[in-house]
N, C-alpha and C. Protein backbone atom coordinates (compact mmCIF):
# COMPACT_ATOMS: atom_id res chain seq x y z
N MET A 1 4.96 22.61 -7.01
CA MET A 1 3.58 22.71 -6.54
C MET A 1 3.18 24.18 -6.52
N ASN A 2 2.05 24.48 -7.12
CA ASN A 2 1.62 25.88 -7.13
C ASN A 2 0.78 26.20 -5.89
N ALA A 3 0.44 27.47 -5.73
CA ALA A 3 -0.28 27.93 -4.54
C ALA A 3 -1.65 27.27 -4.40
N LEU A 4 -2.33 27.01 -5.51
CA LEU A 4 -3.65 26.39 -5.45
C LEU A 4 -3.55 24.96 -4.92
N GLN A 5 -2.58 24.18 -5.41
CA GLN A 5 -2.39 22.82 -4.92
C GLN A 5 -2.01 22.83 -3.45
N ASN A 6 -1.20 23.77 -3.05
CA ASN A 6 -0.77 23.88 -1.67
C ASN A 6 -1.95 24.21 -0.75
N SER A 7 -2.87 25.07 -1.17
CA SER A 7 -3.99 25.44 -0.32
C SER A 7 -4.95 24.29 -0.12
N THR A 8 -5.12 23.41 -1.11
CA THR A 8 -6.02 22.28 -0.92
C THR A 8 -5.46 21.29 0.08
N ALA A 9 -4.14 21.18 0.17
CA ALA A 9 -3.53 20.30 1.16
C ALA A 9 -3.82 20.79 2.57
N THR A 10 -3.87 22.08 2.78
CA THR A 10 -4.15 22.60 4.12
C THR A 10 -5.65 22.58 4.43
N ASP A 11 -6.48 22.39 3.43
CA ASP A 11 -7.93 22.31 3.66
C ASP A 11 -8.37 20.90 4.04
N GLU A 12 -7.45 19.95 4.00
CA GLU A 12 -7.74 18.56 4.31
C GLU A 12 -8.12 18.42 5.78
N ALA A 13 -8.93 17.42 6.08
CA ALA A 13 -9.31 17.14 7.47
C ALA A 13 -8.06 16.81 8.27
N MET A 14 -7.97 17.38 9.46
CA MET A 14 -6.84 17.15 10.36
C MET A 14 -7.36 16.52 11.65
N PHE A 15 -6.53 15.68 12.24
CA PHE A 15 -6.90 15.01 13.48
C PHE A 15 -5.84 15.26 14.54
N THR A 16 -6.26 15.28 15.79
CA THR A 16 -5.32 15.32 16.91
C THR A 16 -4.94 13.88 17.24
N ALA A 17 -3.90 13.71 18.02
CA ALA A 17 -3.49 12.37 18.45
C ALA A 17 -4.61 11.71 19.25
N GLU A 18 -5.31 12.49 20.05
CA GLU A 18 -6.40 11.96 20.87
C GLU A 18 -7.56 11.48 20.01
N GLU A 19 -7.88 12.22 18.95
CA GLU A 19 -8.97 11.82 18.06
C GLU A 19 -8.64 10.52 17.32
N LEU A 20 -7.43 10.42 16.79
CA LEU A 20 -7.03 9.19 16.11
C LEU A 20 -6.95 8.02 17.09
N ALA A 21 -6.45 8.28 18.28
CA ALA A 21 -6.34 7.22 19.28
C ALA A 21 -7.72 6.65 19.61
N ALA A 22 -8.69 7.52 19.79
CA ALA A 22 -10.04 7.05 20.12
C ALA A 22 -10.63 6.24 18.97
N SER A 23 -10.41 6.69 17.74
CA SER A 23 -11.01 5.99 16.60
C SER A 23 -10.33 4.65 16.32
N LYS A 24 -9.06 4.52 16.68
CA LYS A 24 -8.31 3.27 16.42
C LYS A 24 -8.14 2.42 17.68
N ARG A 25 -8.69 2.89 18.79
CA ARG A 25 -8.59 2.19 20.08
C ARG A 25 -7.13 1.97 20.49
N LEU A 26 -6.36 3.05 20.38
CA LEU A 26 -4.97 3.05 20.80
C LEU A 26 -4.77 4.16 21.82
N HIS A 27 -3.65 4.15 22.51
CA HIS A 27 -3.34 5.20 23.48
C HIS A 27 -2.81 6.42 22.72
N PRO A 28 -3.15 7.64 23.14
CA PRO A 28 -2.64 8.83 22.46
C PRO A 28 -1.12 8.89 22.36
N SER A 29 -0.40 8.38 23.37
CA SER A 29 1.06 8.40 23.28
C SER A 29 1.56 7.48 22.17
N THR A 30 0.86 6.40 21.90
CA THR A 30 1.22 5.51 20.79
C THR A 30 1.06 6.24 19.47
N ILE A 31 -0.02 6.97 19.32
CA ILE A 31 -0.26 7.75 18.09
C ILE A 31 0.82 8.82 17.94
N ARG A 32 1.16 9.51 19.02
CA ARG A 32 2.21 10.55 18.95
C ARG A 32 3.53 9.95 18.47
N LYS A 33 3.90 8.79 19.01
CA LYS A 33 5.15 8.14 18.60
C LYS A 33 5.11 7.73 17.13
N MET A 34 3.95 7.25 16.68
CA MET A 34 3.81 6.79 15.30
C MET A 34 3.92 7.93 14.30
N PHE A 35 3.38 9.10 14.66
CA PHE A 35 3.25 10.19 13.69
C PHE A 35 4.20 11.36 13.90
N MET A 36 4.96 11.37 14.98
CA MET A 36 5.79 12.52 15.33
C MET A 36 6.73 12.96 14.20
N ASN A 37 7.32 12.02 13.48
CA ASN A 37 8.29 12.37 12.45
C ASN A 37 7.82 12.04 11.04
N GLN A 38 6.52 11.84 10.87
CA GLN A 38 5.98 11.54 9.55
C GLN A 38 5.91 12.80 8.69
N PRO A 39 6.27 12.70 7.42
CA PRO A 39 6.13 13.85 6.52
C PRO A 39 4.66 14.25 6.39
N GLY A 40 4.40 15.55 6.43
CA GLY A 40 3.04 16.07 6.28
C GLY A 40 2.34 16.37 7.58
N VAL A 41 2.88 15.88 8.71
CA VAL A 41 2.26 16.14 10.02
C VAL A 41 2.68 17.53 10.48
N ILE A 42 1.73 18.27 11.00
CA ILE A 42 2.02 19.60 11.53
C ILE A 42 2.33 19.46 13.01
N ARG A 43 3.50 19.95 13.40
CA ARG A 43 3.96 19.85 14.79
C ARG A 43 4.10 21.26 15.34
N LEU A 44 3.32 21.56 16.37
CA LEU A 44 3.32 22.88 17.00
C LEU A 44 3.83 22.75 18.43
N GLY A 45 4.66 23.67 18.86
CA GLY A 45 5.15 23.64 20.23
C GLY A 45 6.56 24.17 20.33
N HIS A 46 7.27 23.78 21.37
CA HIS A 46 8.63 24.24 21.56
C HIS A 46 9.50 23.08 22.03
N PRO A 47 10.78 23.10 21.66
CA PRO A 47 11.70 22.05 22.10
C PRO A 47 12.06 22.23 23.57
N ALA A 48 12.62 21.18 24.14
CA ALA A 48 13.05 21.26 25.53
C ALA A 48 14.23 22.22 25.64
N SER A 49 14.27 22.96 26.71
CA SER A 49 15.39 23.85 27.00
C SER A 49 15.60 23.83 28.51
N ALA A 50 16.60 24.55 28.96
CA ALA A 50 16.92 24.56 30.38
C ALA A 50 15.69 24.94 31.21
N GLY A 51 15.27 24.02 32.04
CA GLY A 51 14.15 24.29 32.93
C GLY A 51 12.78 24.16 32.29
N ARG A 52 12.72 23.84 31.00
CA ARG A 52 11.42 23.70 30.33
C ARG A 52 11.29 22.32 29.71
N GLN A 53 10.15 21.72 29.91
CA GLN A 53 9.88 20.43 29.31
C GLN A 53 9.49 20.63 27.84
N GLN A 54 9.84 19.65 27.01
CA GLN A 54 9.43 19.71 25.60
C GLN A 54 7.92 19.59 25.54
N TYR A 55 7.30 20.44 24.74
CA TYR A 55 5.85 20.39 24.57
C TYR A 55 5.53 20.58 23.11
N PHE A 56 4.67 19.75 22.59
CA PHE A 56 4.20 19.95 21.23
C PHE A 56 2.85 19.27 21.06
N THR A 57 2.12 19.70 20.07
CA THR A 57 0.86 19.09 19.70
C THR A 57 0.94 18.77 18.22
N LEU A 58 0.27 17.71 17.82
CA LEU A 58 0.29 17.28 16.44
C LEU A 58 -1.06 17.51 15.78
N ARG A 59 -1.02 17.84 14.51
CA ARG A 59 -2.21 17.86 13.66
C ARG A 59 -1.87 16.93 12.50
N ILE A 60 -2.64 15.85 12.40
CA ILE A 60 -2.34 14.79 11.45
C ILE A 60 -3.36 14.83 10.32
N PRO A 61 -2.91 15.13 9.09
CA PRO A 61 -3.83 15.13 7.95
C PRO A 61 -4.40 13.73 7.70
N ALA A 62 -5.62 13.67 7.22
CA ALA A 62 -6.28 12.39 6.96
C ALA A 62 -5.47 11.53 6.00
N SER A 63 -4.86 12.14 4.99
CA SER A 63 -4.08 11.37 4.01
C SER A 63 -2.85 10.73 4.65
N VAL A 64 -2.23 11.41 5.60
CA VAL A 64 -1.06 10.86 6.29
C VAL A 64 -1.50 9.70 7.18
N ALA A 65 -2.61 9.87 7.90
CA ALA A 65 -3.13 8.80 8.75
C ALA A 65 -3.43 7.57 7.90
N HIS A 66 -4.08 7.78 6.76
CA HIS A 66 -4.41 6.67 5.88
C HIS A 66 -3.14 5.97 5.39
N ARG A 67 -2.14 6.74 4.97
CA ARG A 67 -0.89 6.18 4.47
C ARG A 67 -0.19 5.33 5.54
N VAL A 68 -0.10 5.85 6.75
CA VAL A 68 0.60 5.15 7.82
C VAL A 68 -0.14 3.88 8.22
N PHE A 69 -1.45 3.96 8.40
CA PHE A 69 -2.20 2.77 8.80
C PHE A 69 -2.25 1.74 7.67
N ALA A 70 -2.30 2.18 6.42
CA ALA A 70 -2.28 1.24 5.29
C ALA A 70 -0.95 0.51 5.24
N ALA A 71 0.14 1.21 5.50
CA ALA A 71 1.46 0.58 5.48
C ALA A 71 1.62 -0.43 6.61
N MET A 72 0.92 -0.23 7.71
CA MET A 72 1.02 -1.12 8.86
C MET A 72 0.10 -2.34 8.73
N THR A 73 -0.88 -2.26 7.85
CA THR A 73 -1.84 -3.33 7.69
C THR A 73 -1.19 -4.53 7.00
N VAL A 74 -1.43 -5.71 7.49
CA VAL A 74 -0.87 -6.92 6.89
C VAL A 74 -1.40 -7.02 5.46
N GLY A 75 -0.48 -7.09 4.52
CA GLY A 75 -0.86 -7.15 3.11
C GLY A 75 -1.23 -5.80 2.54
N GLY A 76 -1.08 -4.74 3.37
CA GLY A 76 -1.42 -3.39 2.92
C GLY A 76 -0.38 -2.82 1.98
N HIS A 77 -0.80 -1.86 1.22
CA HIS A 77 0.11 -1.19 0.28
C HIS A 77 0.12 0.29 0.59
N GLU A 78 1.23 0.91 0.35
CA GLU A 78 1.37 2.33 0.60
C GLU A 78 0.80 3.17 -0.48
């Protein structure tokens, strides 16, 4: 993948877990669980350590959201 192709991927619309949850009528924690380990999702934060709780925020590209929800749809294709 060259630099031009890479830059268009980062220009894609991104959603927070809260935004996707509201649009799909799901709880934000459900969205976090669904997308936490999906390829293409941007995960920002820090892991848990002594005395610190794990904290992270997700940025979910529109193409990843579409792929995951299409795969979950009955009769859907990836």
